[in-house]
C-alpha atoms as a PDB file:
ATOM      1  CA  MET A   1     -35.954-138.193  84.054  1.00  0.00           C
ATOM      2  CA  VAL A   2     -32.832-138.467  86.175  1.00  0.00           C
ATOM      3  CA  TRP A   3     -30.662-136.532  83.709  1.00  0.00           C
ATOM      4  CA  LYS A   4     -33.046-133.585  83.831  1.00  0.00           C
ATOM      5  CA  LYS A   5     -32.792-133.453  87.623  1.00  0.00           C
ATOM      6  CA  VAL A   6     -29.016-133.629  87.402  1.00  0.00           C
ATOM      7  CA  ALA A   7     -28.968-130.805  84.822  1.00  0.00           C
ATOM      8  CA  VAL A   8     -31.188-128.587  86.951  1.00  0.00           C
ATOM      9  CA  LEU A   9     -29.140-129.214  90.080  1.00  0.00           C
ATOM     10  CA  SER A  10     -25.905-128.568  88.177  1.00  0.00           C
ATOM     11  CA  LEU A  11     -27.179-125.254  86.817  1.00  0.00           C
ATOM     12  CA  ALA A  12     -28.415-124.252  90.243  1.00  0.00           C
ATOM     13  CA  ALA A  13     -25.032-125.083  91.769  1.00  0.00           C
ATOM     14  CA  LEU A  14     -23.245-123.112  89.023  1.00  0.00           C
ATOM     15  CA  PHE A  15     -25.514-120.100  89.623  1.00  0.00           C
ATOM     16  CA  VAL A  16     -24.901-120.184  93.390  1.00  0.00           C
ATOM     17  CA  ALA A  17     -21.158-120.522  92.844  1.00  0.00           C
ATOM     18  CA  THR A  18     -21.186-117.615  90.390  1.00  0.00           C
ATOM     19  CA  LEU A  19     -22.995-115.398  92.855  1.00  0.00           C
ATOM     20  CA  GLY A  20     -20.373-116.345  95.405  1.00  0.00           C
ATOM     21  CA  PHE A  21     -17.697-114.776  93.212  1.00  0.00           C
ATOM     22  CA  ALA A  22     -19.953-111.716  92.880  1.00  0.00           C
ATOM     23  CA  ALA A  23     -20.495-111.339  96.599  1.00  0.00           C
ATOM     24  CA  ASP A  24     -18.630-108.060  96.566  1.00  0.00           C
ATOM     25  CA  SER A  25     -20.048-106.494  93.389  1.00  0.00           C
ATOM     26  CA  ARG A  26     -19.912-103.067  94.966  1.00  0.00           C
ATOM     27  CA  GLN A  27     -16.159-103.295  95.557  1.00  0.00           C
ATOM     28  CA  ASN A  28     -15.642-104.726  92.072  1.00  0.00           C
ATOM     29  CA  ARG A  29     -17.479-101.753  90.567  1.00  0.00           C
ATOM     30  CA  ALA A  30     -15.263 -99.396  92.530  1.00  0.00           C
ATOM     31  CA  GLU A  31     -12.128-101.084  91.191  1.00  0.00           C
ATOM     32  CA  ASN A  32     -13.264-101.259  87.535  1.00  0.00           C
ATOM     33  CA  THR A  33     -13.792 -98.417  85.072  1.00  0.00           C
ATOM     34  CA  LEU A  34     -15.384 -99.737  81.875  1.00  0.00           C
ATOM     35  CA  MET A  35     -17.949-102.354  80.915  1.00  0.00           C
ATOM     36  CA  ILE A  36     -18.908-103.743  77.479  1.00  0.00           C
ATOM     37  CA  SER A  37     -22.171-105.627  77.259  1.00  0.00           C
ATOM     38  CA  ALA A  38     -24.780-107.369  75.133  1.00  0.00           C
ATOM     39  CA  THR A  39     -28.385-108.378  75.771  1.00  0.00           C
ATOM     40  CA  PRO A  40     -29.045-112.006  74.759  1.00  0.00           C
ATOM     41  CA  PHE A  41     -32.620-112.279  76.076  1.00  0.00           C
ATOM     42  CA  GLY A  42     -35.593-110.313  77.354  1.00  0.00           C
ATOM     43  CA  LEU A  43     -39.364-110.460  77.347  1.00  0.00           C
ATOM     44  CA  HIS A  44     -39.357-107.032  75.752  1.00  0.00           C
ATOM     45  CA  PRO A  45     -40.262-106.143  72.134  1.00  0.00           C
ATOM     46  CA  ALA A  46     -37.510-103.541  71.699  1.00  0.00           C
ATOM     47  CA  THR A  47     -34.978-106.108  72.935  1.00  0.00           C
ATOM     48  CA  LEU A  48     -36.309-109.071  70.951  1.00  0.00           C
ATOM     49  CA  LEU A  49     -36.255-107.180  67.647  1.00  0.00           C
ATOM     50  CA  GLY A  50     -32.481-107.166  67.444  1.00  0.00           C
ATOM     51  CA  LEU A  51     -32.310-110.814  68.479  1.00  0.00           C
ATOM     52  CA  ILE A  52     -34.642-112.098  65.769  1.00  0.00           C
ATOM     53  CA  GLY A  53     -33.482-110.076  62.768  1.00  0.00           C
ATOM     54  CA  GLY A  54     -30.640-107.654  63.239  1.00  0.00           C
ATOM     55  CA  ILE A  55     -28.113-106.373  65.751  1.00  0.00           C
ATOM     56  CA  PRO A  56     -28.941-107.220  69.382  1.00  0.00           C
ATOM     57  CA  THR A  57     -28.561-104.538  72.011  1.00  0.00           C
ATOM     58  CA  VAL A  58     -24.839-103.854  72.526  1.00  0.00           C
ATOM     59  CA  GLY A  59     -23.309-101.115  74.593  1.00  0.00           C
ATOM     60  CA  GLY A  60     -20.625 -99.745  76.812  1.00  0.00           C
ATOM     61  CA  SER A  61     -20.580 -97.946  80.132  1.00  0.00           C
ATOM     62  CA  PHE A  62     -18.421 -96.253  82.751  1.00  0.00           C
ATOM     63  CA  TYR A  63     -18.429 -96.747  86.505  1.00  0.00           C
ATOM     64  CA  LEU A  64     -18.223 -93.267  87.957  1.00  0.00           C
ATOM     65  CA  ASN A  65     -17.977 -94.903  91.369  1.00  0.00           C
ATOM     66  CA  GLU A  66     -19.405 -97.938  93.119  1.00  0.00           C
ATOM     67  CA  ASN A  67     -22.901 -96.395  93.143  1.00  0.00           C
ATOM     68  CA  ILE A  68     -23.318 -94.786  89.693  1.00  0.00           C
ATOM     69  CA  GLN A  69     -22.880 -96.245  86.224  1.00  0.00           C
ATOM     70  CA  ILE A  70     -23.528 -94.401  82.942  1.00  0.00           C
ATOM     71  CA  GLY A  71     -23.469 -95.723  79.390  1.00  0.00           C
ATOM     72  CA  GLY A  72     -25.054 -96.035  75.996  1.00  0.00           C
ATOM     73  CA  ASP A  73     -26.369 -98.794  73.751  1.00  0.00           C
ATOM     74  CA  PHE A  74     -27.522 -99.516  70.205  1.00  0.00           C
ATOM     75  CA  ALA A  75     -29.755-102.085  68.468  1.00  0.00           C
ATOM     76  CA  ALA A  76     -31.107-102.584  64.936  1.00  0.00           C
ATOM     77  CA  TYR A  77     -33.654-104.741  63.114  1.00  0.00           C
ATOM     78  CA  SER A  78     -34.893-105.303  59.589  1.00  0.00           C
ATOM     79  CA  GLY A  79     -37.982-107.338  58.740  1.00  0.00           C
ATOM     80  CA  THR A  80     -41.665-107.412  57.909  1.00  0.00           C
ATOM     81  CA  GLN A  81     -44.376-105.827  60.053  1.00  0.00           C
ATOM     82  CA  GLU A  82     -48.106-105.939  59.473  1.00  0.00           C
ATOM     83  CA  ASP A  83     -51.142-104.142  60.849  1.00  0.00           C
ATOM     84  CA  GLY A  84     -54.550-104.968  59.405  1.00  0.00           C
ATOM     85  CA  ASP A  85     -54.521-103.995  55.731  1.00  0.00           C
ATOM     86  CA  THR A  86     -50.988-102.623  55.688  1.00  0.00           C
ATOM     87  CA  LYS A  87     -47.851-104.758  55.345  1.00  0.00           C
ATOM     88  CA  GLY A  88     -44.373-103.339  55.093  1.00  0.00           C
ATOM     89  CA  THR A  89     -40.663-104.085  55.052  1.00  0.00           C
ATOM     90  CA  VAL A  90     -39.155-101.839  57.694  1.00  0.00           C
ATOM     91  CA  SER A  91     -35.862-101.065  59.382  1.00  0.00           C
ATOM     92  CA  TYR A  92     -35.604-100.252  63.075  1.00  0.00           C
ATOM     93  CA  SER A  93     -32.852 -98.628  65.090  1.00  0.00           C
ATOM     94  CA  SER A  94     -32.530 -97.750  68.750  1.00  0.00           C
ATOM     95  CA  ILE A  95     -29.805 -95.571  70.215  1.00  0.00           C
ATOM     96  CA  GLY A  96     -29.671 -94.050  73.655  1.00  0.00           C
ATOM     97  CA  GLY A  97     -28.060 -93.539  76.995  1.00  0.00           C
ATOM     98  CA  TYR A  98     -28.698 -94.862  80.463  1.00  0.00           C
ATOM     99  CA  SER A  99     -27.628 -94.711  84.054  1.00  0.00           C
ATOM    100  CA  ARG A 100     -27.789 -97.242  86.848  1.00  0.00           C
ATOM    101  CA  ILE A 101     -27.967 -96.146  90.450  1.00  0.00           C
ATOM    102  CA  TYR A 102     -26.971 -98.738  93.057  1.00  0.00           C
ATOM    103  CA  TRP A 103     -28.796 -97.929  96.244  1.00  0.00           C
ATOM    104  CA  GLY A 104     -26.078 -98.795  98.747  1.00  0.00           C
ATOM    105  CA  SER A 105     -26.602-102.510  98.241  1.00  0.00           C
ATOM    106  CA  ASN A 106     -24.374-105.058  96.565  1.00  0.00           C
ATOM    107  CA  SER A 107     -26.078-105.298  93.169  1.00  0.00           C
ATOM    108  CA  PHE A 108     -29.682-104.018  93.296  1.00  0.00           C
ATOM    109  CA  ASN A 109     -30.125-100.968  91.084  1.00  0.00           C
ATOM    110  CA  THR A 110     -32.524 -98.593  89.370  1.00  0.00           C
ATOM    111  CA  LEU A 111     -32.254 -98.109  85.632  1.00  0.00           C
ATOM    112  CA  LEU A 112     -32.961 -94.737  84.017  1.00  0.00           C
ATOM    113  CA  SER A 113     -32.644 -94.429  80.244  1.00  0.00           C
ATOM    114  CA  LEU A 114     -33.506 -92.261  77.250  1.00  0.00           C
ATOM    115  CA  HIS A 115     -33.674 -93.731  73.729  1.00  0.00           C
ATOM    116  CA  SER A 116     -34.534 -92.552  70.251  1.00  0.00           C
ATOM    117  CA  ARG A 117     -36.245 -95.447  68.440  1.00  0.00           C
ATOM    118  CA  SER A 118     -36.928 -95.012  64.744  1.00  0.00           C
ATOM    119  CA  TRP A 119     -38.672 -96.973  62.003  1.00  0.00           C
ATOM    120  CA  SER A 120     -38.495 -96.454  58.257  1.00  0.00           C
ATOM    121  CA  GLY A 121     -39.475 -98.506  55.227  1.00  0.00           C
ATOM    122  CA  THR A 122     -41.972 -99.147  52.488  1.00  0.00           C
ATOM    123  CA  ALA A 123     -45.406-100.687  52.806  1.00  0.00           C
ATOM    124  CA  THR A 124     -48.372-101.692  50.693  1.00  0.00           C
ATOM    125  CA  ALA A 125     -51.622-100.210  51.926  1.00  0.00           C
ATOM    126  CA  ASN A 126     -54.865-102.005  51.076  1.00  0.00           C
ATOM    127  CA  THR A 127     -57.946 -99.980  51.876  1.00  0.00           C
ATOM    128  CA  THR A 128     -61.348 -98.998  50.496  1.00  0.00           C
ATOM    129  CA  THR A 129     -62.040 -95.813  48.588  1.00  0.00           C
ATOM    130  CA  GLN A 130     -65.043 -94.498  46.706  1.00  0.00           C
ATOM    131  CA  VAL A 131     -65.175 -94.158  42.920  1.00  0.00           C
ATOM    132  CA  THR A 132     -67.872 -92.534  40.799  1.00  0.00           C
ATOM    133  CA  ASP A 133     -68.823 -93.928  37.405  1.00  0.00           C
ATOM    134  CA  PRO A 134     -68.629 -90.989  34.949  1.00  0.00           C
ATOM    135  CA  GLY A 135     -71.500 -92.377  32.842  1.00  0.00           C
ATOM    136  CA  SER A 136     -74.065 -93.241  35.492  1.00  0.00           C
ATOM    137  CA  GLY A 137     -72.832 -90.985  38.272  1.00  0.00           C
ATOM    138  CA  ILE A 138     -73.140 -93.889  40.731  1.00  0.00           C
ATOM    139  CA  THR A 139     -70.577 -93.960  43.555  1.00  0.00           C
ATOM    140  CA  THR A 140     -69.374 -97.338  44.807  1.00  0.00           C
ATOM    141  CA  ASP A 141     -66.664 -98.696  47.087  1.00  0.00           C
ATOM    142  CA  ALA A 142     -63.512 -99.959  45.404  1.00  0.00           C
ATOM    143  CA  ASN A 143     -60.320-101.607  46.628  1.00  0.00           C
ATOM    144  CA  LEU A 144     -57.321 -99.284  46.728  1.00  0.00           C
ATOM    145  CA  VAL A 145     -53.739-100.595  46.721  1.00  0.00           C
ATOM    146  CA  ALA A 146     -50.911 -98.072  47.078  1.00  0.00           C
ATOM    147  CA  ASP A 147     -47.189 -98.115  47.881  1.00  0.00           C
ATOM    148  CA  VAL A 148     -46.360 -96.018  50.920  1.00  0.00           C
ATOM    149  CA  THR A 149     -43.139 -94.810  52.552  1.00  0.00           C
ATOM    150  CA  ILE A 150     -43.402 -94.911  56.358  1.00  0.00           C
ATOM    151  CA  ASP A 151     -41.301 -93.036  58.907  1.00  0.00           C
ATOM    152  CA  SER A 152     -41.951 -93.056  62.629  1.00  0.00           C
ATOM    153  CA  ASN A 153     -39.943 -92.119  65.683  1.00  0.00           C
ATOM    154  CA  ALA A 154     -40.422 -92.208  69.433  1.00  0.00           C
ATOM    155  CA  LEU A 155     -38.304 -90.602  72.128  1.00  0.00           C
ATOM    156  CA  VAL A 156     -38.648 -93.051  74.986  1.00  0.00           C
ATOM    157  CA  GLY A 157     -37.894 -92.633  78.671  1.00  0.00           C
ATOM    158  CA  THR A 158     -37.516 -95.826  80.727  1.00  0.00           C
ATOM    159  CA  LEU A 159     -37.456 -96.728  84.409  1.00  0.00           C
ATOM    160  CA  GLY A 160     -36.432-100.198  85.547  1.00  0.00           C
ATOM    161  CA  ILE A 161     -35.326-102.230  88.552  1.00  0.00           C
ATOM    162  CA  GLY A 162     -32.919-105.136  88.652  1.00  0.00           C
ATOM    163  CA  ASN A 163     -29.680-106.633  89.861  1.00  0.00           C
ATOM    164  CA  GLN A 164     -26.255-106.529  88.223  1.00  0.00           C
ATOM    165  CA  TRP A 165     -23.552-108.766  89.586  1.00  0.00           C
ATOM    166  CA  VAL A 166     -19.866-108.100  88.884  1.00  0.00           C
ATOM    167  CA  MET A 167     -17.567-111.103  89.330  1.00  0.00           C
ATOM    168  CA  ASP A 168     -14.083-110.815  90.765  1.00  0.00           C
ATOM    169  CA  TRP A 169     -12.550-111.560  87.333  1.00  0.00           C
ATOM    170  CA  GLY A 170     -14.782-109.073  85.469  1.00  0.00           C
ATOM    171  CA  LEU A 171     -17.748-111.116  84.226  1.00  0.00           C
ATOM    172  CA  VAL A 172     -20.994-109.144  84.565  1.00  0.00           C
ATOM    173  CA  ILE A 173     -24.465-110.711  84.751  1.00  0.00           C
ATOM    174  CA  GLY A 174     -27.443-108.374  84.972  1.00  0.00           C
ATOM    175  CA  LEU A 175     -31.165-108.981  85.138  1.00  0.00           C
ATOM    176  CA  ASP A 176     -33.742-106.204  84.892  1.00  0.00           C
ATOM    177  CA  TYR A 177     -36.913-107.630  86.393  1.00  0.00           C
ATOM    178  CA  LEU A 178     -39.246-104.911  85.116  1.00  0.00           C
ATOM    179  CA  VAL A 179     -38.826-101.944  82.746  1.00  0.00           C
ATOM    180  CA  LEU A 180     -41.588 -99.389  82.167  1.00  0.00           C
ATOM    181  CA  SER A 181     -41.342 -96.903  79.327  1.00  0.00           C
ATOM    182  CA  LEU A 182     -43.130 -93.704  78.422  1.00  0.00           C
ATOM    183  CA  PRO A 183     -43.091 -91.887  75.054  1.00  0.00           C
ATOM    184  CA  LEU A 184     -41.807 -88.364  75.663  1.00  0.00           C
ATOM    185  CA  SER A 185     -42.561 -87.539  72.019  1.00  0.00           C
ATOM    186  CA  GLU A 186     -43.574 -89.520  68.943  1.00  0.00           C
ATOM    187  CA  THR A 187     -44.139 -88.844  65.275  1.00  0.00           C
ATOM    188  CA  SER A 188     -45.443 -90.917  62.376  1.00  0.00           C
ATOM    189  CA  SER A 189     -45.737 -90.022  58.703  1.00  0.00           C
ATOM    190  CA  ALA A 190     -46.727 -91.806  55.500  1.00  0.00           C
ATOM    191  CA  THR A 191     -46.004 -90.649  51.945  1.00  0.00           C
ATOM    192  CA  VAL A 192     -48.051 -92.262  49.182  1.00  0.00           C
ATOM    193  CA  ASP A 193     -46.758 -92.824  45.645  1.00  0.00           C
ATOM    194  CA  ALA A 194     -48.482 -90.831  42.919  1.00  0.00           C
ATOM    195  CA  THR A 195     -49.902 -93.954  41.269  1.00  0.00           C
ATOM    196  CA  GLY A 196     -51.766 -96.912  42.676  1.00  0.00           C
ATOM    197  CA  THR A 197     -54.305 -99.554  41.831  1.00  0.00           C
ATOM    198  CA  VAL A 198     -58.010 -98.768  42.184  1.00  0.00           C
ATOM    199  CA  ALA A 199     -60.431-101.620  41.510  1.00  0.00           C
ATOM    200  CA  GLY A 200     -57.619-103.471  39.745  1.00  0.00           C
ATOM    201  CA  VAL A 201     -56.722-100.578  37.428  1.00  0.00           C
ATOM    202  CA  THR A 202     -53.433 -98.659  37.733  1.00  0.00           C
ATOM    203  CA  GLU A 203     -54.029 -94.935  37.732  1.00  0.00           C
ATOM    204  CA  THR A 204     -52.890 -91.628  39.142  1.00  0.00           C
ATOM    205  CA  LEU A 205     -54.367 -91.327  42.606  1.00  0.00           C
ATOM    206  CA  SER A 206     -56.659 -88.472  43.485  1.00  0.00           C
ATOM    207  CA  GLY A 207     -56.141 -86.371  46.583  1.00  0.00           C
ATOM    208  CA  GLN A 208     -58.814 -88.321  48.455  1.00  0.00           C
ATOM    209  CA  GLU A 209     -57.385 -91.677  47.406  1.00  0.00           C
ATOM    210  CA  LYS A 210     -53.943 -90.687  48.616  1.00  0.00           C
ATOM    211  CA  ALA A 211     -55.463 -89.519  51.901  1.00  0.00           C
ATOM    212  CA  ASP A 212     -57.226 -92.890  52.304  1.00  0.00           C
ATOM    213  CA  ALA A 213     -53.953 -94.762  51.731  1.00  0.00           C
ATOM    214  CA  GLU A 214     -52.052 -92.478  54.117  1.00  0.00           C
ATOM    215  CA  ALA A 215     -54.667 -93.062  56.835  1.00  0.00           C
ATOM    216  CA  ALA A 216     -54.351 -96.831  56.439  1.00  0.00           C
ATOM    217  CA  ALA A 217     -50.546 -96.682  56.541  1.00  0.00           C
ATOM    218  CA  SER A 218     -50.427 -94.315  59.530  1.00  0.00           C
ATOM    219  CA  ASP A 219     -52.015 -97.021  61.672  1.00  0.00           C
ATOM    220  CA  LEU A 220     -48.968 -99.210  61.052  1.00  0.00           C
ATOM    221  CA  GLY A 221     -46.698 -96.307  62.055  1.00  0.00           C
ATOM    222  CA  LYS A 222     -48.578 -95.965  65.349  1.00  0.00           C
ATOM    223  CA  VAL A 223     -48.233 -99.694  66.039  1.00  0.00           C
ATOM    224  CA  LEU A 224     -44.479 -99.480  65.399  1.00  0.00           C
ATOM    225  CA  ASN A 225     -44.159 -96.663  67.929  1.00  0.00           C
ATOM    226  CA  VAL A 226     -46.073 -98.694  70.535  1.00  0.00           C
ATOM    227  CA  ILE A 227     -43.524-101.495  70.060  1.00  0.00           C
ATOM    228  CA  SER A 228     -40.819 -98.931  70.824  1.00  0.00           C
ATOM    229  CA  TYR A 229     -42.153 -98.163  74.293  1.00  0.00           C
ATOM    230  CA  PHE A 230     -43.878-101.404  75.285  1.00  0.00           C
ATOM    231  CA  PRO A 231     -42.869-102.556  78.817  1.00  0.00           C
ATOM    232  CA  GLY A 232     -40.566-105.524  79.398  1.00  0.00           C
ATOM    233  CA  LEU A 233     -39.675-108.275  81.871  1.00  0.00           C
ATOM    234  CA  PHE A 234     -36.549-110.271  82.728  1.00  0.00           C
ATOM    235  CA  ILE A 235     -34.057-108.561  80.435  1.00  0.00           C
ATOM    236  CA  LEU A 236     -30.690-110.304  80.683  1.00  0.00           C
ATOM    237  CA  THR A 237     -27.387-108.476  80.248  1.00  0.00           C
ATOM    238  CA  MET A 238     -23.999-110.167  79.855  1.00  0.00           C
ATOM    239  CA  GLY A 239     -20.751-108.234  79.870  1.00  0.00           C
ATOM    240  CA  LEU A 240     -17.139-107.786  80.860  1.00  0.00           C
ATOM    241  CA  SER A 241     -15.772-105.087  83.139  1.00  0.00           C
ATOM    242  CA  PHE A 242     -12.206-103.999  83.563  1.00  0.00           C
END
C-alpha cells in the first residue's frame, strides 16, 4: 500500500531530523541540570507491569556533568498472577536508583542501577494433602484449598547499554538495547490461614496441611521474584531536560 510506504518514509525522516537536533547531546547535557522521564515501552517484564496495570516507570535525574547522570525511578502494578495450582491478586512496586555513564561519545552510555522490587498479596493455593480415615485407618490423597498471604522481595542490580539523545530544546529520547539483571538478595514467604478446605470440607488445618499449602504458594513467590530480575530489550525512555 502506498500510504504505508509514505508513513514509513515520513517516520524515518522525522527520526533523522530529530537526531539532527540531538547531534550535540553531550553539550546539551553539560548545559542542563535536571531531567524528568517516563518509560512508555520495553520488552522487559518489570517495565511492562506498570504499563499494563499500574504506574509506569517514572523518574528524575541530575546531570553531574556531560559524562555522568544519576537519578531514581518508581513503578507499581496491581493484578492477578498464577503459577500452577496457585492464583493470587498481588501488588508490585519497584523503587531504585541508577547512574548513566557516557563514555566520551555523544549519546552512547552504560546503565548501572539498583532496585528493590517487592510483591505482596493474597492467593488461593490448591494442592494435594494426605488424610487418614479415623475408622478404617486408611490414608488417601485429598484436595487442599487454602488462602495464603504472599510476600516476596528482590534486591536487583542491573547493567545495561544504550543511547540517550538530548535535543537542543530539552526533549530526551533514550533506548536501552539490552539490560541484564542479577538478584543480589531475594526473599519469599507465605502465611496460610488457620482454616481451609480439605476434600470439600472446611476445617482447621493441621501443621502438615499448612506446610503443604505454604510449599505450593512459595512457588508463586519465586516466580514473582524471577519477574523482578528477568532481562530486557529495547526499553524506551522519554523525558524533558532543563
